[in-house]
Each structure stands twice: as structure tokens, then as C-alpha cells.
Amino acid sequence: MDTTDVWRLLAQARTDLPDPCEAEDIAARAISLLAGRPPAYIAAFAQPLWDLLARSYRADLWAAAYTINGGASDDGFDYFRGWLIAQGEAVYDQALTDPDSLADQPAVIRAAADEMELSGEDILGIAWTAYRNATGEELPANAFTITYPDLDPAWDFDFDDPEEIRRRLPKLAALFLEPDET
């Protein structure tokens, strides 16, 4: 099993949803789809999902999440990355290439207009919940491992610094920060 299986399941889960960007609905549908698979398949699904989470553990993306959500604790950044994964492979890959590209996503534009946070906590638990639903037991503790990479020191700055955010993430800054009065 690899990340292709995760992307395939999430694409299937988004099919025919009223809002194919709503992470909570995507997670619920993905759990239902996954729970119909054999327990070994469900357990194996956890590793590539967490591989995607580890790959997206990046300081530039954390700065984007912080800007979009008006802050991002460790847990908040995890939940944001869950939302990002729920959006699908193309959005995820583009955000890893250029976090500022998130400003072009309809869900991000809507979040800015409605002052909503983007969060996908339920995405993180897809394998756990599907496994419990299918077997009545907890996901085996050894179903996955995760090792986060070191964060890029070039992005080690105060994410509350609006000038620095405007310089590094200009499109997101235009959506989420008050206009620069200088």
C-alpha cells in the first residue's frame, strides 16, 4: 500500500458530496468506504496516510496555515494538514510546491470571506475509526510510524509579523491580513 491508495480513496470519498472541499464529510465517507475493506487493508492504510502528514510537515506550509487560520498550534497545524490532504493530491502537491498557491483555492477564498478556519481533524483518524467500525477493536499500535523532518530554518520567524508574511506569502496575506497602512 502507498499514497496512491490514499489519494484514490479520498477522491472516491469526495465524489457526489454537496461540498467536495468539506474535510469532515470527506472523512466520514472515507471511513465508510475503508471500513468495508479487510482489517489488514485498513491497518495498512494508516502508514501512507501518515507519510503524507510527515511530508507536509514544513515550516512554509505552517506559515500558510497560521495565516489562513489566524494561528496554528502543533495540533492546529496537524488538523490543517488533514484538511489539505482531504482536498486531494493536486491541491496537496501544489501547496507543497508553493504554499501561497492556497490563496487560489475556492475553499481558502471562502474561508477568508467567512472568517472560518480550515481544519480536518477527522482525516487524521480515518484508519483508526474505520478499523474500529469494521472490527470493534483498536487499530494495532504498530500500524504506522511517523518521523517528522526538521523544519526549514529559513522559515523560522514570527508568523505574527505581517510584513514578513506579506513578503513570503503575498497572495495569502492579501486575503487574510489587514491592508498594510505604511
C-alpha atoms as a PDB file:
ATOM      1  CA  MET A   1       0.000   0.000   0.000  1.00  0.00           C
ATOM      2  CA  ASP A   2       1.212   3.501  -0.783  1.00  0.00           C
ATOM      3  CA  THR A   3      -0.038   7.081  -1.006  1.00  0.00           C
ATOM      4  CA  THR A   4      -1.738   6.337  -4.327  1.00  0.00           C
ATOM      5  CA  ASP A   5      -4.237   4.248  -2.355  1.00  0.00           C
ATOM      6  CA  VAL A   6      -4.906   7.178  -0.016  1.00  0.00           C
ATOM      7  CA  TRP A   7      -5.456   9.579  -2.910  1.00  0.00           C
ATOM      8  CA  ARG A   8      -7.731   7.084  -4.675  1.00  0.00           C
ATOM      9  CA  LEU A   9      -9.897   6.543  -1.585  1.00  0.00           C
ATOM     10  CA  LEU A  10     -10.171  10.270  -0.865  1.00  0.00           C
ATOM     11  CA  ALA A  11     -11.110  11.016  -4.476  1.00  0.00           C
ATOM     12  CA  GLN A  12     -13.812   8.354  -4.250  1.00  0.00           C
ATOM     13  CA  ALA A  13     -14.985   9.820  -0.935  1.00  0.00           C
ATOM     14  CA  ARG A  14     -15.318  13.318  -2.454  1.00  0.00           C
ATOM     15  CA  THR A  15     -17.499  12.018  -5.299  1.00  0.00           C
ATOM     16  CA  ASP A  16     -21.045  13.388  -5.185  1.00  0.00           C
ATOM     17  CA  LEU A  17     -20.585  15.309  -1.926  1.00  0.00           C
ATOM     18  CA  PRO A  18     -22.516  18.592  -1.793  1.00  0.00           C
ATOM     19  CA  ASP A  19     -19.231  20.353  -0.904  1.00  0.00           C
ATOM     20  CA  PRO A  20     -16.268  18.277  -2.104  1.00  0.00           C
ATOM     21  CA  CYS A  21     -13.938  20.524  -0.060  1.00  0.00           C
ATOM     22  CA  GLU A  22     -15.572  19.792   3.317  1.00  0.00           C
ATOM     23  CA  ALA A  23     -12.983  17.692   5.170  1.00  0.00           C
ATOM     24  CA  GLU A  24     -15.425  16.370   7.780  1.00  0.00           C
ATOM     25  CA  ASP A  25     -17.758  14.968   5.105  1.00  0.00           C
ATOM     26  CA  ILE A  26     -14.840  13.554   3.135  1.00  0.00           C
ATOM     27  CA  ALA A  27     -13.543  11.837   6.278  1.00  0.00           C
ATOM     28  CA  ALA A  28     -16.956  10.335   7.077  1.00  0.00           C
ATOM     29  CA  ARG A  29     -17.332   8.954   3.566  1.00  0.00           C
ATOM     30  CA  ALA A  30     -13.712   7.688   3.522  1.00  0.00           C
ATOM     31  CA  ILE A  31     -14.240   5.911   6.855  1.00  0.00           C
ATOM     32  CA  SER A  32     -17.348   4.228   5.490  1.00  0.00           C
ATOM     33  CA  LEU A  33     -15.545   3.129   2.320  1.00  0.00           C
ATOM     34  CA  LEU A  34     -12.473   1.931   4.187  1.00  0.00           C
ATOM     35  CA  ALA A  35     -14.451   0.064   6.863  1.00  0.00           C
ATOM     36  CA  GLY A  36     -15.750  -2.228   4.116  1.00  0.00           C
ATOM     37  CA  ARG A  37     -12.253  -3.500   3.400  1.00  0.00           C
ATOM     38  CA  PRO A  38     -10.450  -6.354   5.192  1.00  0.00           C
ATOM     39  CA  PRO A  39      -8.893  -5.393   8.556  1.00  0.00           C
ATOM     40  CA  ALA A  40      -5.341  -5.908   7.250  1.00  0.00           C
ATOM     41  CA  TYR A  41      -6.021  -3.472   4.408  1.00  0.00           C
ATOM     42  CA  ILE A  42      -7.430  -0.887   6.828  1.00  0.00           C
ATOM     43  CA  ALA A  43      -4.418  -1.208   9.131  1.00  0.00           C
ATOM     44  CA  ALA A  44      -2.045  -0.887   6.178  1.00  0.00           C
ATOM     45  CA  PHE A  45      -3.837   2.304   5.092  1.00  0.00           C
ATOM     46  CA  ALA A  46      -2.571   4.155   8.169  1.00  0.00           C
ATOM     47  CA  GLN A  47       1.089   4.248   7.093  1.00  0.00           C
ATOM     48  CA  PRO A  48       0.731   6.043   3.749  1.00  0.00           C
ATOM     49  CA  LEU A  49      -1.732   8.488   5.300  1.00  0.00           C
ATOM     50  CA  TRP A  50       0.804   9.383   7.981  1.00  0.00           C
ATOM     51  CA  ASP A  51       3.545   9.513   5.342  1.00  0.00           C
ATOM     52  CA  LEU A  52       1.555  12.321   3.704  1.00  0.00           C
ATOM     53  CA  LEU A  53       1.267  14.068   7.042  1.00  0.00           C
ATOM     54  CA  ALA A  54       5.013  13.799   7.606  1.00  0.00           C
ATOM     55  CA  ARG A  55       5.795  15.043   4.103  1.00  0.00           C
ATOM     56  CA  SER A  56       3.626  18.117   4.673  1.00  0.00           C
ATOM     57  CA  TYR A  57       5.302  18.947   7.992  1.00  0.00           C
ATOM     58  CA  ARG A  58       7.028  22.024   6.629  1.00  0.00           C
ATOM     59  CA  ALA A  59       7.654  25.476   8.058  1.00  0.00           C
ATOM     60  CA  ASP A  60       6.500  27.297   4.914  1.00  0.00           C
ATOM     61  CA  LEU A  61       3.223  25.396   4.993  1.00  0.00           C
ATOM     62  CA  TRP A  62       2.923  26.069   8.731  1.00  0.00           C
ATOM     63  CA  ALA A  63       3.254  29.799   7.998  1.00  0.00           C
ATOM     64  CA  ALA A  64       0.455  29.456   5.424  1.00  0.00           C
ATOM     65  CA  ALA A  65      -1.749  27.556   7.895  1.00  0.00           C
ATOM     66  CA  TYR A  66      -1.036  30.172  10.562  1.00  0.00           C
ATOM     67  CA  THR A  67      -2.026  32.955   8.180  1.00  0.00           C
ATOM     68  CA  ILE A  68      -5.184  31.214   6.951  1.00  0.00           C
ATOM     69  CA  ASN A  69      -6.422  30.127  10.377  1.00  0.00           C
ATOM     70  CA  GLY A  70      -5.272  33.140  12.378  1.00  0.00           C
ATOM     71  CA  GLY A  71      -2.841  30.898  14.269  1.00  0.00           C
ATOM     72  CA  ALA A  72      -1.762  27.286  14.242  1.00  0.00           C
ATOM     73  CA  SER A  73      -0.630  25.365  17.312  1.00  0.00           C
ATOM     74  CA  ASP A  74       1.011  21.972  16.851  1.00  0.00           C
ATOM     75  CA  ASP A  75      -2.414  20.311  16.867  1.00  0.00           C
ATOM     76  CA  GLY A  76      -3.891  23.083  14.735  1.00  0.00           C
ATOM     77  CA  PHE A  77      -1.197  22.515  12.121  1.00  0.00           C
ATOM     78  CA  ASP A  78      -1.936  18.768  12.163  1.00  0.00           C
ATOM     79  CA  TYR A  79      -5.638  19.479  11.614  1.00  0.00           C
ATOM     80  CA  PHE A  80      -4.844  21.943   8.820  1.00  0.00           C
ATOM     81  CA  ARG A  81      -2.730  19.297   7.102  1.00  0.00           C
ATOM     82  CA  GLY A  82      -5.649  16.884   7.477  1.00  0.00           C
ATOM     83  CA  TRP A  83      -7.792  19.440   5.652  1.00  0.00           C
ATOM     84  CA  LEU A  84      -5.107  19.794   2.995  1.00  0.00           C
ATOM     85  CA  ILE A  85      -4.941  16.048   2.408  1.00  0.00           C
ATOM     86  CA  ALA A  86      -8.746  15.957   2.124  1.00  0.00           C
ATOM     87  CA  GLN A  87      -8.511  18.403  -0.781  1.00  0.00           C
ATOM     88  CA  GLY A  88      -6.760  15.800  -2.912  1.00  0.00           C
ATOM     89  CA  GLU A  89      -3.425  15.115  -4.479  1.00  0.00           C
ATOM     90  CA  ALA A  90      -3.287  18.063  -6.897  1.00  0.00           C
ATOM     91  CA  VAL A  91      -4.036  20.689  -4.227  1.00  0.00           C
ATOM     92  CA  TYR A  92      -1.687  18.974  -1.762  1.00  0.00           C
ATOM     93  CA  ASP A  93       1.203  18.769  -4.239  1.00  0.00           C
ATOM     94  CA  GLN A  94       0.728  22.370  -5.360  1.00  0.00           C
ATOM     95  CA  ALA A  95       0.668  23.575  -1.742  1.00  0.00           C
ATOM     96  CA  LEU A  96       3.912  21.744  -1.023  1.00  0.00           C
ATOM     97  CA  THR A  97       5.475  23.315  -4.112  1.00  0.00           C
ATOM     98  CA  ASP A  98       4.097  26.781  -3.322  1.00  0.00           C
ATOM     99  CA  PRO A  99       2.109  27.290  -0.098  1.00  0.00           C
ATOM    100  CA  ASP A 100       0.970  30.702  -1.354  1.00  0.00           C
ATOM    101  CA  SER A 101      -0.948  28.881  -4.121  1.00  0.00           C
ATOM    102  CA  LEU A 102      -3.550  28.001  -1.496  1.00  0.00           C
ATOM    103  CA  ALA A 103      -4.861  31.543  -1.959  1.00  0.00           C
ATOM    104  CA  ASP A 104      -6.254  30.395  -5.321  1.00  0.00           C
ATOM    105  CA  GLN A 105      -8.347  27.588  -3.818  1.00  0.00           C
ATOM    106  CA  PRO A 106     -12.103  28.290  -3.576  1.00  0.00           C
ATOM    107  CA  ALA A 107     -12.269  26.845  -0.039  1.00  0.00           C
ATOM    108  CA  VAL A 108      -9.487  29.180   1.102  1.00  0.00           C
ATOM    109  CA  ILE A 109     -11.119  32.185  -0.540  1.00  0.00           C
ATOM    110  CA  ARG A 110     -14.413  31.236   1.134  1.00  0.00           C
ATOM    111  CA  ALA A 111     -12.636  30.805   4.495  1.00  0.00           C
ATOM    112  CA  ALA A 112     -11.195  34.309   4.181  1.00  0.00           C
ATOM    113  CA  ALA A 113     -14.590  35.818   3.354  1.00  0.00           C
ATOM    114  CA  ASP A 114     -16.410  33.912   6.114  1.00  0.00           C
ATOM    115  CA  GLU A 115     -13.562  34.103   8.666  1.00  0.00           C
ATOM    116  CA  MET A 116     -13.578  30.311   9.016  1.00  0.00           C
ATOM    117  CA  GLU A 117     -10.738  28.001   9.940  1.00  0.00           C
ATOM    118  CA  LEU A 118      -9.712  25.179   7.654  1.00  0.00           C
ATOM    119  CA  SER A 119      -9.418  22.022   9.689  1.00  0.00           C
ATOM    120  CA  GLY A 120      -9.596  18.315   9.007  1.00  0.00           C
ATOM    121  CA  GLU A 121      -9.030  16.585  12.323  1.00  0.00           C
ATOM    122  CA  ASP A 122     -11.248  13.654  11.284  1.00  0.00           C
ATOM    123  CA  ILE A 123      -8.980  12.912   8.317  1.00  0.00           C
ATOM    124  CA  LEU A 124      -6.192  12.029  10.753  1.00  0.00           C
ATOM    125  CA  GLY A 125      -8.309   9.271  12.280  1.00  0.00           C
ATOM    126  CA  ILE A 126      -9.647   7.607   9.131  1.00  0.00           C
ATOM    127  CA  ALA A 127      -7.769   4.328   9.668  1.00  0.00           C
ATOM    128  CA  TRP A 128      -8.478   4.211  13.437  1.00  0.00           C
ATOM    129  CA  THR A 129     -12.188   4.832  13.050  1.00  0.00           C
ATOM    130  CA  ALA A 130     -12.606   2.519  10.045  1.00  0.00           C
ATOM    131  CA  TYR A 131     -10.717  -0.248  11.847  1.00  0.00           C
ATOM    132  CA  ARG A 132     -12.855   0.151  14.976  1.00  0.00           C
ATOM    133  CA  ASN A 133     -16.037   0.214  12.875  1.00  0.00           C
ATOM    134  CA  ALA A 134     -15.011  -2.915  10.980  1.00  0.00           C
ATOM    135  CA  THR A 135     -13.607  -4.986  13.849  1.00  0.00           C
ATOM    136  CA  GLY A 136     -14.806  -3.477  17.115  1.00  0.00           C
ATOM    137  CA  GLU A 137     -11.133  -3.290  18.120  1.00  0.00           C
ATOM    138  CA  GLU A 138      -8.481  -0.593  18.204  1.00  0.00           C
ATOM    139  CA  LEU A 139      -6.051  -0.177  15.317  1.00  0.00           C
ATOM    140  CA  PRO A 140      -2.883  -2.148  16.114  1.00  0.00           C
ATOM    141  CA  ALA A 141      -0.255   0.077  17.734  1.00  0.00           C
ATOM    142  CA  ASN A 142       2.327  -0.924  15.149  1.00  0.00           C
ATOM    143  CA  ALA A 143       0.131   0.014  12.159  1.00  0.00           C
ATOM    144  CA  PHE A 144       2.310   3.019  11.364  1.00  0.00           C
ATOM    145  CA  THR A 145       5.327   5.024  12.363  1.00  0.00           C
ATOM    146  CA  ILE A 146       5.914   8.699  11.783  1.00  0.00           C
ATOM    147  CA  THR A 147       9.086  10.690  11.731  1.00  0.00           C
ATOM    148  CA  TYR A 148       8.815  14.389  11.112  1.00  0.00           C
ATOM    149  CA  PRO A 149      11.573  16.135   9.189  1.00  0.00           C
ATOM    150  CA  ASP A 150      13.418  19.113  10.611  1.00  0.00           C
ATOM    151  CA  LEU A 151      11.743  22.404   9.816  1.00  0.00           C
ATOM    152  CA  ASP A 152      13.483  24.754   7.380  1.00  0.00           C
ATOM    153  CA  PRO A 153      15.378  27.327   9.492  1.00  0.00           C
ATOM    154  CA  ALA A 154      14.888  29.907   6.727  1.00  0.00           C
ATOM    155  CA  TRP A 155      11.239  29.983   7.772  1.00  0.00           C
ATOM    156  CA  ASP A 156      11.991  30.382  11.482  1.00  0.00           C
ATOM    157  CA  PHE A 157      10.380  33.758  12.048  1.00  0.00           C
ATOM    158  CA  ASP A 158       7.423  35.154  13.966  1.00  0.00           C
ATOM    159  CA  PHE A 159       4.348  34.207  11.928  1.00  0.00           C
ATOM    160  CA  ASP A 160       2.589  37.175  13.562  1.00  0.00           C
ATOM    161  CA  ASP A 161       4.950  39.524  11.655  1.00  0.00           C
ATOM    162  CA  PRO A 162       2.639  40.881   8.922  1.00  0.00           C
ATOM    163  CA  GLU A 163       5.460  42.391   6.861  1.00  0.00           C
ATOM    164  CA  GLU A 164       7.291  39.080   6.716  1.00  0.00           C
ATOM    165  CA  ILE A 165       4.092  37.207   5.814  1.00  0.00           C
ATOM    166  CA  ARG A 166       3.373  39.770   3.075  1.00  0.00           C
ATOM    167  CA  ARG A 167       6.878  39.265   1.698  1.00  0.00           C
ATOM    168  CA  ARG A 168       6.814  35.452   1.793  1.00  0.00           C
ATOM    169  CA  LEU A 169       3.125  34.668   1.189  1.00  0.00           C
ATOM    170  CA  PRO A 170       1.781  37.723  -0.665  1.00  0.00           C
ATOM    171  CA  LYS A 171      -1.428  36.179  -2.023  1.00  0.00           C
ATOM    172  CA  LEU A 172      -2.437  34.700   1.339  1.00  0.00           C
ATOM    173  CA  ALA A 173      -1.525  37.966   3.047  1.00  0.00           C
ATOM    174  CA  ALA A 174      -3.806  39.850   0.652  1.00  0.00           C
ATOM    175  CA  LEU A 175      -6.681  37.549   1.619  1.00  0.00           C
ATOM    176  CA  PHE A 176      -6.153  37.263   5.359  1.00  0.00           C
ATOM    177  CA  LEU A 177      -4.221  40.271   6.682  1.00  0.00           C
ATOM    178  CA  GLU A 178      -5.444  43.785   7.212  1.00  0.00           C
ATOM    179  CA  PRO A 179      -4.263  46.126   4.482  1.00  0.00           C
ATOM    180  CA  ASP A 180      -0.774  47.489   5.005  1.00  0.00           C
ATOM    181  CA  GLU A 181      -1.103  51.086   6.151  1.00  0.00           C
ATOM    182  CA  THR A 182       2.529  52.042   5.571  1.00  0.00           C
END
